Amino acid sequence: MMSIVQRLPALSTSLFGLFLLLFPAAVMADSFAFVVAPEQSNHECTAASAEKAISCAMKKCKKARGADCTVIAACDGGWAGIMGVMLEEIHFSDAICGAPSREAAIAALKAYCKGHLPNVRECFISELISPDGKSEQLEQSLDPKTIP
């Protein structure tokens, strides 16, 4: 007869499997990638891994006839955010990812915006993406001179 100690490995494996079935998003967070073709287009994807998210975003970029598709951000899990940045003469989009919370993602985008002073005129947080891949259109304009 097996003791409880001998049964623990099988029991813990069974419980973990049950946990995965009941709460798959809690363990399998989506990965995120953001790709740009300068002065043409921006593309993002979420997938099971950063590598798959990059592949997806690169395919979208190439399909949109992006000549120079470049990966700007890619992370395995965490919150992501996309922001437009307007400098004196140019405008571009950028992204962050891997933030531990929604608030941390917003704080990182604000810090990034403020870091472009004195040349930045405005930043615009357009979207946040949760670790499970849900998109939230934020549309928050930032004046970098008033960011604490």
N, C-alpha and C. Protein backbone atom coordinates (compact mmCIF):
# COMPACT_ATOMS: atom_id res chain seq x y z
N MET A 1 0.84 -1.18 0.00
CA MET A 1 0.00 0.00 0.00
C MET A 1 0.89 1.25 0.00
N MET A 2 0.55 2.27 -0.86
CA MET A 2 1.34 3.50 -0.98
C MET A 2 0.95 4.48 0.12
N SER A 3 1.98 5.10 0.67
CA SER A 3 1.70 6.12 1.67
C SER A 3 1.32 7.43 0.97
N ILE A 4 0.80 8.39 1.71
CA ILE A 4 0.42 9.68 1.15
C ILE A 4 1.63 10.41 0.57
N VAL A 5 2.80 10.25 1.16
CA VAL A 5 4.02 10.89 0.66
C VAL A 5 4.36 10.34 -0.73
N GLN A 6 4.17 9.04 -0.93
CA GLN A 6 4.45 8.44 -2.23
C GLN A 6 3.44 8.89 -3.28
N ARG A 7 2.25 9.26 -2.87
CA ARG A 7 1.20 9.68 -3.81
C ARG A 7 1.26 11.17 -4.13
N LEU A 8 2.02 11.95 -3.40
CA LEU A 8 2.04 13.41 -3.60
C LEU A 8 2.42 13.83 -5.02
N PRO A 9 3.46 13.27 -5.65
CA PRO A 9 3.77 13.71 -7.00
C PRO A 9 2.60 13.54 -7.97
N ALA A 10 1.95 12.39 -7.93
CA ALA A 10 0.81 12.15 -8.82
C ALA A 10 -0.35 13.07 -8.46
N LEU A 11 -0.58 13.28 -7.17
CA LEU A 11 -1.67 14.14 -6.72
C LEU A 11 -1.42 15.59 -7.14
N SER A 12 -0.19 16.08 -6.96
CA SER A 12 0.10 17.47 -7.33
C SER A 12 0.02 17.66 -8.84
N THR A 13 0.45 16.67 -9.63
CA THR A 13 0.34 16.76 -11.09
C THR A 13 -1.12 16.80 -11.50
N SER A 14 -1.95 15.99 -10.88
CA SER A 14 -3.37 15.96 -11.20
C SER A 14 -4.03 17.28 -10.82
N LEU A 15 -3.69 17.82 -9.67
CA LEU A 15 -4.27 19.09 -9.25
C LEU A 15 -3.83 20.23 -10.17
N PHE A 16 -2.57 20.23 -10.60
CA PHE A 16 -2.08 21.26 -11.51
C PHE A 16 -2.82 21.16 -12.85
N GLY A 17 -3.01 19.96 -13.34
CA GLY A 17 -3.75 19.76 -14.58
C GLY A 17 -5.18 20.27 -14.46
N LEU A 18 -5.83 20.00 -13.35
CA LEU A 18 -7.18 20.48 -13.11
C LEU A 18 -7.18 22.01 -13.04
N PHE A 19 -6.19 22.59 -12.39
CA PHE A 19 -6.07 24.05 -12.30
C PHE A 19 -5.95 24.65 -13.70
N LEU A 20 -5.12 24.03 -14.57
CA LEU A 20 -4.95 24.54 -15.93
C LEU A 20 -6.26 24.48 -16.71
N LEU A 21 -7.03 23.43 -16.51
CA LEU A 21 -8.31 23.33 -17.20
C LEU A 21 -9.30 24.37 -16.73
N LEU A 22 -9.31 24.62 -15.43
CA LEU A 22 -10.27 25.58 -14.87
C LEU A 22 -9.85 27.03 -15.05
N PHE A 23 -8.54 27.31 -14.99
CA PHE A 23 -8.04 28.68 -15.05
C PHE A 23 -6.87 28.80 -16.03
N PRO A 24 -7.08 28.57 -17.32
CA PRO A 24 -5.95 28.59 -18.25
C PRO A 24 -5.29 29.95 -18.37
N ALA A 25 -6.04 31.04 -18.29
CA ALA A 25 -5.46 32.37 -18.44
C ALA A 25 -4.58 32.74 -17.27
N ALA A 26 -4.80 32.14 -16.13
CA ALA A 26 -4.01 32.48 -14.96
C ALA A 26 -2.56 32.01 -15.11
N VAL A 27 -2.35 30.98 -15.92
CA VAL A 27 -1.01 30.43 -16.07
C VAL A 27 -0.42 30.75 -17.45
N MET A 28 -1.24 30.77 -18.47
CA MET A 28 -0.77 30.95 -19.83
C MET A 28 -1.05 32.37 -20.32
N ALA A 29 -0.29 33.33 -19.85
CA ALA A 29 -0.49 34.71 -20.27
C ALA A 29 -0.05 34.87 -21.72
N ASP A 30 -0.75 35.73 -22.43
CA ASP A 30 -0.38 36.02 -23.81
C ASP A 30 0.89 36.84 -23.86
N SER A 31 1.64 36.63 -24.90
CA SER A 31 2.82 37.43 -25.18
C SER A 31 2.42 38.52 -26.18
N PHE A 32 3.25 39.54 -26.28
CA PHE A 32 2.92 40.72 -27.08
C PHE A 32 4.10 41.11 -27.95
N ALA A 33 3.80 41.60 -29.15
CA ALA A 33 4.84 42.15 -30.02
C ALA A 33 4.28 43.36 -30.76
N PHE A 34 5.14 44.35 -30.96
CA PHE A 34 4.80 45.58 -31.67
C PHE A 34 5.87 45.81 -32.72
N VAL A 35 5.44 45.92 -33.99
CA VAL A 35 6.35 46.06 -35.12
C VAL A 35 5.96 47.32 -35.89
N VAL A 36 6.95 48.06 -36.37
CA VAL A 36 6.67 49.24 -37.18
C VAL A 36 7.42 49.18 -38.50
N ALA A 37 6.81 49.80 -39.50
CA ALA A 37 7.47 50.12 -40.76
C ALA A 37 7.50 51.64 -40.76
N PRO A 38 8.66 52.25 -40.53
CA PRO A 38 8.74 53.71 -40.36
C PRO A 38 8.00 54.48 -41.46
N GLU A 39 7.25 55.46 -41.03
CA GLU A 39 6.46 56.35 -41.89
C GLU A 39 5.43 55.60 -42.72
N GLN A 40 5.08 54.35 -42.30
CA GLN A 40 4.09 53.58 -43.05
C GLN A 40 3.01 53.01 -42.15
N SER A 41 3.39 52.11 -41.24
CA SER A 41 2.36 51.44 -40.47
C SER A 41 2.92 50.83 -39.19
N ASN A 42 2.00 50.51 -38.27
CA ASN A 42 2.31 49.84 -37.00
C ASN A 42 1.46 48.58 -36.93
N HIS A 43 2.03 47.54 -36.34
CA HIS A 43 1.29 46.28 -36.23
C HIS A 43 1.60 45.64 -34.88
N GLU A 44 0.57 45.05 -34.29
CA GLU A 44 0.73 44.38 -33.00
C GLU A 44 0.05 43.03 -33.05
N CYS A 45 0.53 42.12 -32.22
CA CYS A 45 -0.08 40.80 -32.08
C CYS A 45 0.12 40.30 -30.66
N THR A 46 -0.79 39.48 -30.21
CA THR A 46 -0.60 38.70 -29.00
C THR A 46 -0.63 37.24 -29.42
N ALA A 47 0.13 36.42 -28.72
CA ALA A 47 0.22 35.00 -29.05
C ALA A 47 0.70 34.24 -27.82
N ALA A 48 0.87 32.94 -27.95
CA ALA A 48 1.28 32.10 -26.84
C ALA A 48 2.73 32.33 -26.42
N SER A 49 3.56 32.89 -27.32
CA SER A 49 4.95 33.18 -26.99
C SER A 49 5.36 34.47 -27.70
N ALA A 50 6.42 35.11 -27.22
CA ALA A 50 6.91 36.32 -27.87
C ALA A 50 7.33 36.02 -29.30
N GLU A 51 7.95 34.87 -29.52
CA GLU A 51 8.38 34.50 -30.87
C GLU A 51 7.19 34.43 -31.83
N LYS A 52 6.07 33.83 -31.38
CA LYS A 52 4.88 33.73 -32.23
C LYS A 52 4.23 35.09 -32.42
N ALA A 53 4.25 35.93 -31.39
CA ALA A 53 3.68 37.28 -31.51
C ALA A 53 4.50 38.10 -32.50
N ILE A 54 5.83 37.98 -32.46
CA ILE A 54 6.70 38.69 -33.41
C ILE A 54 6.41 38.21 -34.83
N SER A 55 6.33 36.92 -35.01
CA SER A 55 6.05 36.36 -36.34
C SER A 55 4.73 36.89 -36.89
N CYS A 56 3.71 36.91 -36.07
CA CYS A 56 2.39 37.41 -36.47
C CYS A 56 2.47 38.89 -36.86
N ALA A 57 3.09 39.72 -36.02
CA ALA A 57 3.18 41.15 -36.30
C ALA A 57 4.03 41.43 -37.54
N MET A 58 5.10 40.67 -37.74
CA MET A 58 5.94 40.84 -38.93
C MET A 58 5.17 40.47 -40.19
N LYS A 59 4.36 39.42 -40.13
CA LYS A 59 3.54 39.03 -41.29
C LYS A 59 2.55 40.14 -41.64
N LYS A 60 1.92 40.73 -40.62
CA LYS A 60 1.00 41.85 -40.86
C LYS A 60 1.73 43.02 -41.50
N CYS A 61 2.90 43.31 -41.00
CA CYS A 61 3.70 44.42 -41.52
C CYS A 61 4.08 44.18 -42.98
N LYS A 62 4.58 43.00 -43.28
CA LYS A 62 4.99 42.68 -44.65
C LYS A 62 3.79 42.71 -45.60
N LYS A 63 2.63 42.22 -45.11
CA LYS A 63 1.42 42.21 -45.92
C LYS A 63 0.97 43.63 -46.25
N ALA A 64 1.23 44.56 -45.35
CA ALA A 64 0.88 45.97 -45.57
C ALA A 64 1.96 46.68 -46.38
N ARG A 65 2.86 45.90 -46.97
CA ARG A 65 3.95 46.39 -47.81
C ARG A 65 4.96 47.23 -47.04
N GLY A 66 5.17 46.84 -45.78
CA GLY A 66 6.19 47.51 -44.98
C GLY A 66 7.57 47.13 -45.47
N ALA A 67 8.32 48.12 -45.91
CA ALA A 67 9.65 47.85 -46.46
C ALA A 67 10.65 47.49 -45.38
N ASP A 68 10.64 48.22 -44.31
CA ASP A 68 11.62 48.01 -43.23
C ASP A 68 10.90 47.72 -41.92
N CYS A 69 10.32 46.55 -41.81
CA CYS A 69 9.60 46.18 -40.59
C CYS A 69 10.60 45.93 -39.47
N THR A 70 10.37 46.59 -38.35
CA THR A 70 11.28 46.49 -37.22
C THR A 70 10.50 46.19 -35.94
N VAL A 71 10.98 45.24 -35.16
CA VAL A 71 10.36 44.92 -33.87
C VAL A 71 10.75 46.02 -32.88
N ILE A 72 9.75 46.66 -32.30
CA ILE A 72 9.96 47.72 -31.32
C ILE A 72 9.88 47.16 -29.90
N ALA A 73 8.94 46.25 -29.66
CA ALA A 73 8.78 45.66 -28.33
C ALA A 73 8.23 44.25 -28.47
N ALA A 74 8.69 43.36 -27.59
CA ALA A 74 8.18 42.00 -27.52
C ALA A 74 8.43 41.46 -26.12
N CYS A 75 7.41 40.89 -25.52
CA CYS A 75 7.52 40.37 -24.15
C CYS A 75 6.69 39.12 -23.99
N ASP A 76 7.14 38.25 -23.11
CA ASP A 76 6.35 37.10 -22.70
C ASP A 76 5.55 37.49 -21.46
N GLY A 77 4.34 37.93 -21.67
CA GLY A 77 3.45 38.27 -20.55
C GLY A 77 3.59 39.69 -20.07
N GLY A 78 2.73 40.06 -19.15
CA GLY A 78 2.71 41.40 -18.59
C GLY A 78 1.81 42.32 -19.40
N TRP A 79 1.61 43.51 -18.87
CA TRP A 79 0.81 44.54 -19.53
C TRP A 79 1.65 45.22 -20.61
N ALA A 80 0.98 45.65 -21.68
CA ALA A 80 1.65 46.37 -22.76
C ALA A 80 0.89 47.67 -23.02
N GLY A 81 1.57 48.63 -23.61
CA GLY A 81 0.94 49.89 -23.96
C GLY A 81 1.53 50.45 -25.23
N ILE A 82 0.68 51.16 -25.99
CA ILE A 82 1.10 51.78 -27.25
C ILE A 82 0.84 53.28 -27.14
N MET A 83 1.82 54.06 -27.60
CA MET A 83 1.72 55.50 -27.47
C MET A 83 2.28 56.19 -28.71
N GLY A 84 1.59 57.26 -29.12
CA GLY A 84 2.10 58.13 -30.17
C GLY A 84 2.92 59.23 -29.52
N VAL A 85 4.03 59.61 -30.17
CA VAL A 85 4.91 60.65 -29.66
C VAL A 85 5.08 61.69 -30.76
N MET A 86 4.80 62.94 -30.42
CA MET A 86 4.98 64.02 -31.38
C MET A 86 6.12 64.91 -30.93
N LEU A 87 7.21 64.87 -31.70
CA LEU A 87 8.34 65.75 -31.43
C LEU A 87 8.12 67.04 -32.24
N GLU A 88 9.10 67.89 -32.27
CA GLU A 88 8.94 69.15 -32.99
C GLU A 88 8.58 68.94 -34.47
N GLU A 89 9.24 67.99 -35.13
CA GLU A 89 9.01 67.85 -36.56
C GLU A 89 8.60 66.45 -37.00
N ILE A 90 8.64 65.49 -36.12
CA ILE A 90 8.24 64.13 -36.52
C ILE A 90 7.26 63.55 -35.51
N HIS A 91 6.54 62.54 -35.96
CA HIS A 91 5.60 61.82 -35.12
C HIS A 91 5.86 60.33 -35.31
N PHE A 92 5.85 59.58 -34.24
CA PHE A 92 6.06 58.14 -34.34
C PHE A 92 5.29 57.45 -33.22
N SER A 93 5.12 56.15 -33.37
CA SER A 93 4.48 55.33 -32.34
C SER A 93 5.54 54.48 -31.67
N ASP A 94 5.30 54.20 -30.40
CA ASP A 94 6.20 53.35 -29.65
C ASP A 94 5.38 52.49 -28.71
N ALA A 95 6.00 51.48 -28.15
CA ALA A 95 5.29 50.57 -27.26
C ALA A 95 6.20 50.10 -26.14
N ILE A 96 5.59 49.74 -25.05
CA ILE A 96 6.28 49.10 -23.93
C ILE A 96 5.53 47.80 -23.64
N CYS A 97 6.20 46.88 -22.98
CA CYS A 97 5.51 45.66 -22.58
C CYS A 97 6.23 45.04 -21.39
N GLY A 98 5.55 44.09 -20.75
CA GLY A 98 6.13 43.41 -19.61
C GLY A 98 5.84 44.08 -18.28
N ALA A 99 4.98 45.09 -18.26
CA ALA A 99 4.67 45.79 -17.01
C ALA A 99 3.85 44.87 -16.09
N PRO A 100 4.09 44.95 -14.78
CA PRO A 100 3.40 44.05 -13.85
C PRO A 100 1.94 44.40 -13.59
N SER A 101 1.51 45.62 -13.96
CA SER A 101 0.12 46.02 -13.73
C SER A 101 -0.28 47.08 -14.75
N ARG A 102 -1.57 47.35 -14.83
CA ARG A 102 -2.09 48.40 -15.71
C ARG A 102 -1.46 49.75 -15.33
N GLU A 103 -1.44 50.02 -14.04
CA GLU A 103 -0.89 51.29 -13.55
C GLU A 103 0.60 51.42 -13.88
N ALA A 104 1.34 50.33 -13.77
CA ALA A 104 2.77 50.36 -14.09
C ALA A 104 2.98 50.61 -15.59
N ALA A 105 2.11 50.06 -16.44
CA ALA A 105 2.23 50.31 -17.88
C ALA A 105 2.01 51.78 -18.19
N ILE A 106 0.99 52.39 -17.57
CA ILE A 106 0.72 53.81 -17.78
C ILE A 106 1.88 54.66 -17.26
N ALA A 107 2.40 54.31 -16.09
CA ALA A 107 3.53 55.05 -15.52
C ALA A 107 4.77 54.96 -16.42
N ALA A 108 5.01 53.79 -17.01
CA ALA A 108 6.16 53.61 -17.90
C ALA A 108 6.00 54.47 -19.16
N LEU A 109 4.79 54.52 -19.71
CA LEU A 109 4.54 55.34 -20.89
C LEU A 109 4.71 56.83 -20.57
N LYS A 110 4.23 57.24 -19.41
CA LYS A 110 4.40 58.64 -19.00
C LYS A 110 5.88 58.98 -18.83
N ALA A 111 6.64 58.10 -18.22
CA ALA A 111 8.07 58.33 -18.03
C ALA A 111 8.78 58.39 -19.37
N TYR A 112 8.40 57.53 -20.29
CA TYR A 112 8.99 57.54 -21.63
C TYR A 112 8.71 58.87 -22.32
N CYS A 113 7.48 59.35 -22.20
CA CYS A 113 7.11 60.63 -22.80
C CYS A 113 7.93 61.77 -22.20
N LYS A 114 7.97 61.81 -20.89
CA LYS A 114 8.72 62.87 -20.20
C LYS A 114 10.21 62.82 -20.54
N GLY A 115 10.71 61.64 -20.81
CA GLY A 115 12.11 61.47 -21.15
C GLY A 115 12.51 62.13 -22.47
N HIS A 116 11.53 62.47 -23.31
CA HIS A 116 11.82 63.12 -24.58
C HIS A 116 11.90 64.65 -24.46
N LEU A 117 11.68 65.19 -23.26
CA LEU A 117 11.79 66.64 -23.09
C LEU A 117 13.21 67.08 -23.41
N PRO A 118 13.45 68.21 -23.94
CA PRO A 118 12.54 69.32 -24.23
C PRO A 118 11.95 69.27 -25.64
N ASN A 119 12.22 68.21 -26.41
CA ASN A 119 11.81 68.18 -27.81
C ASN A 119 10.40 67.67 -28.07
N VAL A 120 9.78 67.05 -27.10
CA VAL A 120 8.45 66.48 -27.32
C VAL A 120 7.38 67.55 -27.12
N ARG A 121 6.39 67.51 -28.02
CA ARG A 121 5.26 68.44 -27.88
C ARG A 121 4.07 67.75 -27.20
N GLU A 122 3.85 66.48 -27.55
CA GLU A 122 2.70 65.77 -27.00
C GLU A 122 2.91 64.27 -27.12
N CYS A 123 2.33 63.54 -26.18
CA CYS A 123 2.28 62.08 -26.26
C CYS A 123 0.81 61.69 -26.14
N PHE A 124 0.48 60.56 -26.73
CA PHE A 124 -0.90 60.12 -26.76
C PHE A 124 -0.94 58.62 -26.51
N ILE A 125 -1.36 58.24 -25.30
CA ILE A 125 -1.49 56.80 -25.00
C ILE A 125 -2.75 56.32 -25.69
N SER A 126 -2.58 55.44 -26.65
CA SER A 126 -3.73 55.00 -27.44
C SER A 126 -4.34 53.69 -26.96
N GLU A 127 -3.50 52.79 -26.44
CA GLU A 127 -4.02 51.46 -26.14
C GLU A 127 -3.22 50.78 -25.04
N LEU A 128 -3.93 50.03 -24.20
CA LEU A 128 -3.30 49.14 -23.23
C LEU A 128 -3.75 47.73 -23.56
N ILE A 129 -2.87 46.77 -23.38
CA ILE A 129 -3.20 45.37 -23.63
C ILE A 129 -2.89 44.59 -22.36
N SER A 130 -3.90 43.91 -21.83
CA SER A 130 -3.74 43.15 -20.59
C SER A 130 -2.96 41.87 -20.85
N PRO A 131 -2.47 41.22 -19.79
CA PRO A 131 -1.70 39.98 -19.97
C PRO A 131 -2.49 38.87 -20.68
N ASP A 132 -3.82 38.94 -20.65
CA ASP A 132 -4.60 37.91 -21.35
C ASP A 132 -4.99 38.35 -22.76
N GLY A 133 -4.38 39.45 -23.24
CA GLY A 133 -4.56 39.87 -24.63
C GLY A 133 -5.74 40.80 -24.89
N LYS A 134 -6.45 41.23 -23.85
CA LYS A 134 -7.59 42.13 -24.05
C LYS A 134 -7.11 43.55 -24.25
N SER A 135 -7.63 44.18 -25.30
CA SER A 135 -7.24 45.54 -25.66
C SER A 135 -8.19 46.56 -25.02
N GLU A 136 -7.60 47.62 -24.51
CA GLU A 136 -8.38 48.73 -23.95
C GLU A 136 -7.94 50.01 -24.66
N GLN A 137 -8.88 50.63 -25.38
CA GLN A 137 -8.58 51.89 -26.05
C GLN A 137 -8.59 52.99 -24.99
N LEU A 138 -7.45 53.58 -24.73
CA LEU A 138 -7.34 54.55 -23.65
C LEU A 138 -7.50 55.98 -24.14
N GLU A 139 -6.86 56.33 -25.24
CA GLU A 139 -6.94 57.66 -25.84
C GLU A 139 -6.71 58.77 -24.83
N GLN A 140 -5.55 58.73 -24.20
CA GLN A 140 -5.17 59.72 -23.18
C GLN A 140 -4.04 60.58 -23.69
N SER A 141 -4.30 61.88 -23.84
CA SER A 141 -3.29 62.83 -24.28
C SER A 141 -2.46 63.28 -23.09
N LEU A 142 -1.15 63.36 -23.30
CA LEU A 142 -0.24 63.77 -22.23
C LEU A 142 0.55 65.01 -22.65
N ASP A 143 0.56 65.99 -21.78
CA ASP A 143 1.46 67.13 -21.96
C ASP A 143 2.70 66.81 -21.13
N PRO A 144 3.82 66.54 -21.76
CA PRO A 144 5.01 66.08 -21.02
C PRO A 144 5.48 67.09 -19.99
N LYS A 145 5.17 68.37 -20.17
CA LYS A 145 5.62 69.39 -19.23
C LYS A 145 4.83 69.35 -17.92
N THR A 146 3.67 68.70 -17.93
CA THR A 146 2.85 68.64 -16.71
C THR A 146 2.84 67.27 -16.06
N ILE A 147 3.58 66.31 -16.64
CA ILE A 147 3.65 64.96 -16.04
C ILE A 147 4.51 65.06 -14.77
N PRO A 148 3.95 64.60 -13.64
CA PRO A 148 4.74 64.68 -12.38
C PRO A 148 5.98 63.80 -12.40
